[in-house]
Amino acid sequence: MATVKALDICTAIGCPCNCLKYCPQEVIVEKYGESNRVMSMDVFKKILDNIPSYVRIVFSGWVEPFTNPNCIDMIKYAYSKD
């Protein structure tokens, strides 16, 4: 059985959902600080353009992916790379 290769994309830091019993948002926000809280489309493209095409992209991490206003464009870009 082959191992599936995947990359979790966290599109932002600091989630408005507040799933406090599950997600340690306070710790994450403290570690990252106030700057660079939303991944830019340019950064996303640089990441995707440098990983092999067989790697599955997972929009997950410690944030609701659509917290980032570019999320749908990121999904479209990832899909177009397939």
C-alpha atoms as a PDB file:
ATOM      1  CA  MET A   1       0.000   0.000   0.000  1.00  0.00           C
ATOM      2  CA  ALA A   2       1.432   3.354  -1.076  1.00  0.00           C
ATOM      3  CA  THR A   3       1.802   6.241   1.332  1.00  0.00           C
ATOM      4  CA  VAL A   4      -0.260   9.277   0.378  1.00  0.00           C
ATOM      5  CA  LYS A   5       1.767  12.469   0.343  1.00  0.00           C
ATOM      6  CA  ALA A   6      -0.141  15.554   1.469  1.00  0.00           C
ATOM      7  CA  LEU A   7       0.527  19.165   2.351  1.00  0.00           C
ATOM      8  CA  ASP A   8      -1.742  20.927   4.830  1.00  0.00           C
ATOM      9  CA  ILE A   9      -2.277  24.562   3.897  1.00  0.00           C
ATOM     10  CA  CYS A  10      -3.168  26.909   6.728  1.00  0.00           C
ATOM     11  CA  THR A  11      -4.459  30.018   4.915  1.00  0.00           C
ATOM     12  CA  ALA A  12      -4.434  32.343   7.932  1.00  0.00           C
ATOM     13  CA  ILE A  13      -3.492  32.653  11.588  1.00  0.00           C
ATOM     14  CA  GLY A  14      -6.230  33.306  14.111  1.00  0.00           C
ATOM     15  CA  CYS A  15      -9.580  31.644  13.591  1.00  0.00           C
ATOM     16  CA  PRO A  16     -12.932  33.287  14.355  1.00  0.00           C
ATOM     17  CA  CYS A  17     -14.661  29.936  15.008  1.00  0.00           C
ATOM     18  CA  ASN A  18     -13.296  29.612  18.574  1.00  0.00           C
ATOM     19  CA  CYS A  19     -13.435  25.838  18.878  1.00  0.00           C
ATOM     20  CA  LEU A  20     -11.795  26.285  22.275  1.00  0.00           C
ATOM     21  CA  LYS A  21     -11.977  22.696  23.474  1.00  0.00           C
ATOM     22  CA  TYR A  22     -10.226  21.494  20.329  1.00  0.00           C
ATOM     23  CA  CYS A  23      -8.146  24.273  18.806  1.00  0.00           C
ATOM     24  CA  PRO A  24      -5.381  26.110  20.724  1.00  0.00           C
ATOM     25  CA  GLN A  25      -5.852  29.486  19.004  1.00  0.00           C
ATOM     26  CA  GLU A  26      -4.368  31.524  21.857  1.00  0.00           C
ATOM     27  CA  VAL A  27      -1.075  29.630  21.618  1.00  0.00           C
ATOM     28  CA  ILE A  28      -0.941  29.872  17.822  1.00  0.00           C
ATOM     29  CA  VAL A  29      -1.719  33.597  17.705  1.00  0.00           C
ATOM     30  CA  GLU A  30       0.831  34.272  20.449  1.00  0.00           C
ATOM     31  CA  LYS A  31       3.575  32.426  18.527  1.00  0.00           C
ATOM     32  CA  TYR A  32       2.890  34.191  15.218  1.00  0.00           C
ATOM     33  CA  GLY A  33       2.158  37.666  16.557  1.00  0.00           C
ATOM     34  CA  GLU A  34       0.073  40.298  14.836  1.00  0.00           C
ATOM     35  CA  SER A  35       1.781  40.500  11.439  1.00  0.00           C
ATOM     36  CA  ASN A  36       1.364  38.232   8.416  1.00  0.00           C
ATOM     37  CA  ARG A  37      -1.925  36.734   9.586  1.00  0.00           C
ATOM     38  CA  VAL A  38      -3.306  35.990   6.109  1.00  0.00           C
ATOM     39  CA  MET A  39      -1.399  34.054   3.441  1.00  0.00           C
ATOM     40  CA  SER A  40      -1.119  36.037   0.227  1.00  0.00           C
ATOM     41  CA  MET A  41      -1.941  34.529  -3.133  1.00  0.00           C
ATOM     42  CA  ASP A  42       1.670  35.137  -4.216  1.00  0.00           C
ATOM     43  CA  VAL A  43       3.031  33.123  -1.291  1.00  0.00           C
ATOM     44  CA  PHE A  44       0.515  30.352  -1.960  1.00  0.00           C
ATOM     45  CA  LYS A  45       1.562  30.169  -5.622  1.00  0.00           C
ATOM     46  CA  LYS A  46       5.253  30.022  -4.662  1.00  0.00           C
ATOM     47  CA  ILE A  47       4.533  27.117  -2.323  1.00  0.00           C
ATOM     48  CA  LEU A  48       2.460  25.207  -4.856  1.00  0.00           C
ATOM     49  CA  ASP A  49       4.899  25.829  -7.687  1.00  0.00           C
ATOM     50  CA  ASN A  50       7.665  24.185  -5.632  1.00  0.00           C
ATOM     51  CA  ILE A  51       6.009  20.932  -4.617  1.00  0.00           C
ATOM     52  CA  PRO A  52       5.584  17.824  -6.768  1.00  0.00           C
ATOM     53  CA  SER A  53       2.249  17.372  -8.543  1.00  0.00           C
ATOM     54  CA  TYR A  54       1.560  14.049  -6.782  1.00  0.00           C
ATOM     55  CA  VAL A  55       1.317  15.792  -3.382  1.00  0.00           C
ATOM     56  CA  ARG A  56      -2.288  16.221  -2.282  1.00  0.00           C
ATOM     57  CA  ILE A  57      -3.186  19.737  -1.118  1.00  0.00           C
ATOM     58  CA  VAL A  58      -5.360  19.869   2.006  1.00  0.00           C
ATOM     59  CA  PHE A  59      -6.900  23.158   3.080  1.00  0.00           C
ATOM     60  CA  SER A  60      -6.853  22.635   6.805  1.00  0.00           C
ATOM     61  CA  GLY A  61      -4.598  23.448   9.674  1.00  0.00           C
ATOM     62  CA  TRP A  62      -5.611  25.492  12.671  1.00  0.00           C
ATOM     63  CA  VAL A  63      -8.025  27.839  10.904  1.00  0.00           C
ATOM     64  CA  GLU A  64     -11.228  27.894   8.904  1.00  0.00           C
ATOM     65  CA  PRO A  65      -9.692  28.147   5.385  1.00  0.00           C
ATOM     66  CA  PHE A  66     -12.244  30.696   4.189  1.00  0.00           C
ATOM     67  CA  THR A  67     -11.008  33.156   6.808  1.00  0.00           C
ATOM     68  CA  ASN A  68      -8.642  34.080   3.982  1.00  0.00           C
ATOM     69  CA  PRO A  69     -10.515  36.077   1.306  1.00  0.00           C
ATOM     70  CA  ASN A  70      -8.292  34.452  -1.360  1.00  0.00           C
ATOM     71  CA  CYS A  71      -9.272  30.901  -0.405  1.00  0.00           C
ATOM     72  CA  ILE A  72     -11.492  30.177  -3.412  1.00  0.00           C
ATOM     73  CA  ASP A  73      -8.778  31.470  -5.755  1.00  0.00           C
ATOM     74  CA  MET A  74      -6.254  29.272  -3.937  1.00  0.00           C
ATOM     75  CA  ILE A  75      -8.474  26.226  -4.415  1.00  0.00           C
ATOM     76  CA  LYS A  76      -8.912  27.040  -8.103  1.00  0.00           C
ATOM     77  CA  TYR A  77      -5.158  27.476  -8.527  1.00  0.00           C
ATOM     78  CA  ALA A  78      -4.424  24.182  -6.756  1.00  0.00           C
ATOM     79  CA  TYR A  79      -7.009  22.401  -8.908  1.00  0.00           C
ATOM     80  CA  SER A  80      -5.507  23.873 -12.088  1.00  0.00           C
ATOM     81  CA  LYS A  81      -2.099  22.438 -11.132  1.00  0.00           C
ATOM     82  CA  ASP A  82      -3.437  18.861 -11.234  1.00  0.00           C
END
